[in-house]
Amino acid sequence: MVNLITGPKGSGKTQQIIELANEKVKTSNGNVVLIKKSHRDTYSVDFNVRAICMDDYKDIETLEEFVGFLYGMVAGNHDIDTIFIDGALKQADITLNSLPDFLQKLDKIATTNNIEFFVSVSASKEDIPNIDDPAYKVLC
């Protein structure tokens, strides 16, 4: 399942993602991963959440490379059960136009590997193409 957290920049999506990750790690039987663009705000992430800052992986520049990175993570750790992606439009070259393709790829990873995704997007849900796909759940 792919869960979406939408809203304009500055509406608290990052804090919401961090809070969800911190809560999820308390009840999860597997590993919880939080992917952020930078190291900013990582001080409030629970120590048991695996925080990954994409600034440390500057060579990942395209949507395909980012998806390959996710596949590599999942292949290397079969215990991952939840992945949080903060600021999807800040990752690689993902745009509103390519977001539906990215979400379809996440859904495939989720379905194949029994992983739940939480993705924040700095846009209103009305601006996101194909948002009403049954594979996605819009939390806000």
Protein backbone atom coordinates (compact mmCIF):
# COMPACT_ATOMS: atom_id res chain seq x y z
CA MET A 1 0.00 0.00 0.00
CA VAL A 2 1.16 3.50 -0.84
CA ASN A 3 -0.07 6.19 1.56
CA LEU A 4 0.17 9.82 0.45
CA ILE A 5 0.49 12.89 2.62
CA THR A 6 -0.21 15.95 0.49
CA GLY A 7 -0.20 19.67 1.12
CA PRO A 8 1.58 22.89 0.25
CA LYS A 9 5.15 23.58 1.30
CA GLY A 10 5.35 24.49 4.97
CA SER A 11 2.15 22.67 5.97
CA GLY A 12 3.88 20.26 8.39
CA LYS A 13 4.28 17.19 6.19
CA THR A 14 7.86 16.51 7.31
CA GLN A 15 6.91 16.60 10.97
CA GLN A 16 3.93 14.36 10.26
CA ILE A 17 6.16 11.85 8.43
CA ILE A 18 8.65 11.84 11.32
CA GLU A 19 5.89 11.35 13.89
CA LEU A 20 4.37 8.50 11.85
CA ALA A 21 7.78 6.83 11.53
CA ASN A 22 8.44 7.20 15.26
CA GLU A 23 5.05 5.63 16.06
CA LYS A 24 5.41 2.87 13.48
CA VAL A 25 8.79 1.73 14.82
CA LYS A 26 7.18 1.09 18.23
CA THR A 27 4.72 -1.46 16.83
CA SER A 28 6.57 -2.82 13.80
CA ASN A 29 7.81 -6.40 13.62
CA GLY A 30 10.30 -5.36 10.94
CA ASN A 31 12.54 -2.45 10.05
CA VAL A 32 11.29 1.08 9.45
CA VAL A 33 13.17 3.33 7.01
CA LEU A 34 12.85 7.10 6.61
CA ILE A 35 14.26 8.65 3.43
CA LYS A 36 14.83 12.40 3.52
CA LYS A 37 16.63 14.78 1.20
CA SER A 38 18.91 16.28 3.88
CA HIS A 39 20.07 15.77 7.45
CA ARG A 40 17.81 18.60 8.63
CA ASP A 41 15.24 17.55 11.27
CA THR A 42 16.79 14.10 11.76
CA TYR A 43 17.44 14.83 15.44
CA SER A 44 13.77 14.12 16.17
CA VAL A 45 13.78 10.72 14.44
CA ASP A 46 13.67 7.72 16.80
CA PHE A 47 17.04 5.96 17.01
CA ASN A 48 15.40 2.70 15.84
CA VAL A 49 14.23 4.24 12.56
CA ARG A 50 16.83 3.85 9.82
CA ALA A 51 17.17 7.42 8.53
CA ILE A 52 18.68 7.80 5.07
CA CYS A 53 19.65 11.24 3.78
CA MET A 54 19.78 11.38 0.00
CA ASP A 55 22.33 14.22 0.11
CA ASP A 56 24.76 11.41 0.98
CA TYR A 57 23.93 9.73 -2.37
CA LYS A 58 24.27 12.62 -4.82
CA ASP A 59 24.82 10.30 -7.81
CA ILE A 60 21.19 9.14 -7.62
CA GLU A 61 19.74 11.68 -10.03
CA THR A 62 16.86 10.06 -11.92
CA LEU A 63 13.57 8.45 -10.99
CA GLU A 64 14.87 5.11 -12.29
CA GLU A 65 18.03 5.36 -10.18
CA PHE A 66 15.97 6.24 -7.10
CA VAL A 67 13.68 3.25 -7.68
CA GLY A 68 16.78 1.08 -8.18
CA PHE A 69 18.08 2.38 -4.85
CA LEU A 70 14.80 1.30 -3.21
CA TYR A 71 15.01 -2.15 -4.81
CA GLY A 72 18.59 -2.47 -3.56
CA MET A 73 17.52 -1.57 -0.03
CA VAL A 74 14.72 -4.10 -0.09
CA ALA A 75 16.92 -6.81 -1.61
CA GLY A 76 19.57 -6.21 1.04
CA ASN A 77 17.14 -6.25 3.97
CA HIS A 78 14.09 -8.49 3.76
CA ASP A 79 12.98 -7.27 7.20
CA ILE A 80 11.94 -3.82 5.96
CA ASP A 81 8.19 -3.49 6.38
CA THR A 82 7.69 0.28 6.14
CA ILE A 83 9.42 2.98 4.10
CA PHE A 84 8.70 6.67 4.61
CA ILE A 85 9.74 9.04 1.81
CA ASP A 86 9.70 12.69 2.79
CA GLY A 87 9.41 15.19 -0.04
CA ALA A 88 9.03 12.92 -3.06
CA LEU A 89 9.35 15.89 -5.41
CA LYS A 90 12.77 16.67 -3.93
CA GLN A 91 14.11 13.19 -4.69
CA ALA A 92 16.07 12.70 -7.91
CA ASP A 93 14.18 14.21 -10.86
CA ILE A 94 10.67 13.30 -9.69
CA THR A 95 8.09 15.89 -10.78
CA LEU A 96 4.32 16.14 -10.61
CA ASN A 97 4.21 14.78 -14.17
CA SER A 98 6.40 11.76 -13.35
CA LEU A 99 4.83 11.19 -9.91
CA PRO A 100 2.16 8.74 -11.17
CA ASP A 101 4.89 6.56 -12.72
CA PHE A 102 6.89 6.73 -9.47
CA LEU A 103 3.84 5.79 -7.38
CA GLN A 104 3.09 2.83 -9.68
CA LYS A 105 6.65 1.59 -9.16
CA LEU A 106 6.28 2.00 -5.39
CA ASP A 107 3.03 0.06 -5.49
CA LYS A 108 4.79 -2.76 -7.33
CA ILE A 109 7.57 -2.83 -4.71
CA ALA A 110 4.96 -2.70 -1.93
CA THR A 111 2.89 -5.52 -3.36
CA THR A 112 5.81 -7.78 -4.24
CA ASN A 113 7.65 -7.31 -0.94
CA ASN A 114 4.80 -6.69 1.53
CA ILE A 115 6.05 -3.19 2.33
CA GLU A 116 3.95 -0.19 3.27
CA PHE A 117 5.02 3.19 1.88
CA PHE A 118 4.24 6.64 3.26
CA VAL A 119 5.11 9.42 0.81
CA SER A 120 4.83 13.16 1.33
CA VAL A 121 4.23 15.38 -1.69
CA SER A 122 4.35 19.18 -1.68
CA ALA A 123 1.21 19.67 -3.72
CA SER A 124 -2.52 19.63 -3.13
CA LYS A 125 -4.16 16.35 -3.98
CA GLU A 126 -6.12 18.09 -6.76
CA ASP A 127 -2.80 18.87 -8.51
CA ILE A 128 -1.53 15.27 -8.49
CA PRO A 129 -2.39 13.30 -11.64
CA ASN A 130 -4.14 9.92 -11.20
CA ILE A 131 -4.42 10.40 -7.44
CA ASP A 132 -7.67 8.40 -7.31
CA ASP A 133 -5.92 5.12 -8.15
CA PRO A 134 -7.13 2.40 -5.72
CA ALA A 135 -3.48 1.47 -5.00
CA TYR A 136 -3.01 4.77 -3.14
CA LYS A 137 -4.53 6.06 0.05
CA VAL A 138 -4.48 9.81 0.58
CA LEU A 139 -4.09 10.49 4.29
CA CYS A 140 -4.29 14.28 3.87
